[in-house]
Amino acid sequence: MTEKKQKRVVLFVSPSCKWCTTAKAYLKKNGVKFKAIDVTKDVDAAKDCERRGCRGVPVVMIGSRWICGFDQKSIDKMLGL
């Protein structure tokens, strides 16, 4: 039996964001591998989020889909949790 490959997950965060910390902890708790990008240090990443209509963080990119904010239902659905 082959293991289902996880979609690529990128989490856009800022250091002072409470919901970013919550999102990181949630993904870790569920064994989801992800890359965290600090938008306060990566201006291009911040602009990318803004172009997608996300005005704040956290922003979760799963595969090619973008989720603005910590929307647990959407994250669970897209990752099959």
Protein backbone atom coordinates (compact mmCIF):
# COMPACT_ATOMS: atom_id res chain seq x y z
CA MET A 1 0.00 0.00 0.00
CA THR A 2 1.43 3.38 -0.95
CA GLU A 3 1.25 6.41 1.29
CA LYS A 4 -0.74 9.37 -0.01
CA LYS A 5 1.59 12.26 -0.79
CA GLN A 6 0.80 15.43 1.14
CA LYS A 7 0.12 18.57 -0.86
CA ARG A 8 2.73 21.31 -0.52
CA VAL A 9 1.84 23.59 2.40
CA VAL A 10 3.25 27.10 2.87
CA LEU A 11 2.29 29.22 5.86
CA PHE A 12 2.77 32.99 5.60
CA VAL A 13 3.21 34.49 9.08
CA SER A 14 4.46 37.43 11.11
CA PRO A 15 6.23 37.11 14.49
CA SER A 16 3.63 39.01 16.54
CA CYS A 17 0.57 37.24 15.10
CA LYS A 18 -1.38 35.12 17.60
CA TRP A 19 -3.31 33.30 14.86
CA CYS A 20 -0.05 32.47 13.07
CA THR A 21 1.17 30.70 16.21
CA THR A 22 -2.15 28.87 16.42
CA ALA A 23 -1.93 27.81 12.76
CA LYS A 24 1.65 26.53 13.18
CA ALA A 25 0.72 24.54 16.29
CA TYR A 26 -2.34 23.06 14.55
CA LEU A 27 -0.37 21.92 11.52
CA LYS A 28 2.39 20.44 13.70
CA LYS A 29 -0.16 18.65 15.93
CA ASN A 30 -1.65 17.03 12.83
CA GLY A 31 1.74 15.98 11.41
CA VAL A 32 1.50 18.35 8.45
CA LYS A 33 4.85 19.35 6.99
CA PHE A 34 4.94 23.00 6.01
CA LYS A 35 7.26 25.85 5.17
CA ALA A 36 6.77 29.05 7.19
CA ILE A 37 7.58 32.37 5.52
CA ASP A 38 7.82 35.53 7.62
CA VAL A 39 6.17 38.30 5.58
CA THR A 40 7.90 40.98 7.67
CA LYS A 41 11.23 39.77 6.23
CA ASP A 42 10.05 38.75 2.74
CA VAL A 43 8.42 41.68 0.95
CA ASP A 44 7.74 39.63 -2.20
CA ALA A 45 5.84 37.03 -0.16
CA ALA A 46 3.78 39.78 1.48
CA LYS A 47 2.93 41.22 -1.95
CA ASP A 48 2.00 37.72 -3.18
CA CYS A 49 -0.50 37.36 -0.34
CA GLU A 50 -1.93 40.79 -1.02
CA ARG A 51 -2.36 40.01 -4.74
CA ARG A 52 -4.41 36.96 -3.72
CA GLY A 53 -6.73 39.22 -1.69
CA CYS A 54 -5.28 38.36 1.72
CA ARG A 55 -4.78 41.55 3.73
CA GLY A 56 -3.36 39.96 6.88
CA VAL A 57 -1.71 36.82 8.19
CA PRO A 58 -1.80 33.90 8.58
CA VAL A 59 -2.20 32.87 4.97
CA VAL A 60 -2.10 29.16 4.19
CA MET A 61 -1.23 27.95 0.70
CA ILE A 62 -2.11 24.30 0.13
CA GLY A 63 -1.06 23.12 -3.31
CA SER A 64 -2.20 26.03 -5.48
CA ARG A 65 -5.11 27.09 -3.24
CA TRP A 66 -4.87 30.07 -0.88
CA ILE A 67 -6.68 30.38 2.45
CA CYS A 68 -6.75 33.82 4.08
CA GLY A 69 -6.70 33.55 7.86
CA PHE A 70 -6.79 30.46 10.07
CA ASP A 71 -9.81 28.69 8.58
CA GLN A 72 -9.56 25.27 10.22
CA LYS A 73 -12.49 23.78 8.27
CA SER A 74 -10.94 24.70 4.92
CA ILE A 75 -7.51 23.47 6.00
CA ASP A 76 -8.96 20.15 7.20
CA LYS A 77 -10.94 19.71 3.98
CA MET A 78 -8.01 20.47 1.69
CA LEU A 79 -5.61 18.22 3.62
CA GLY A 80 -8.10 15.45 4.34
CA LEU A 81 -7.78 15.79 8.11
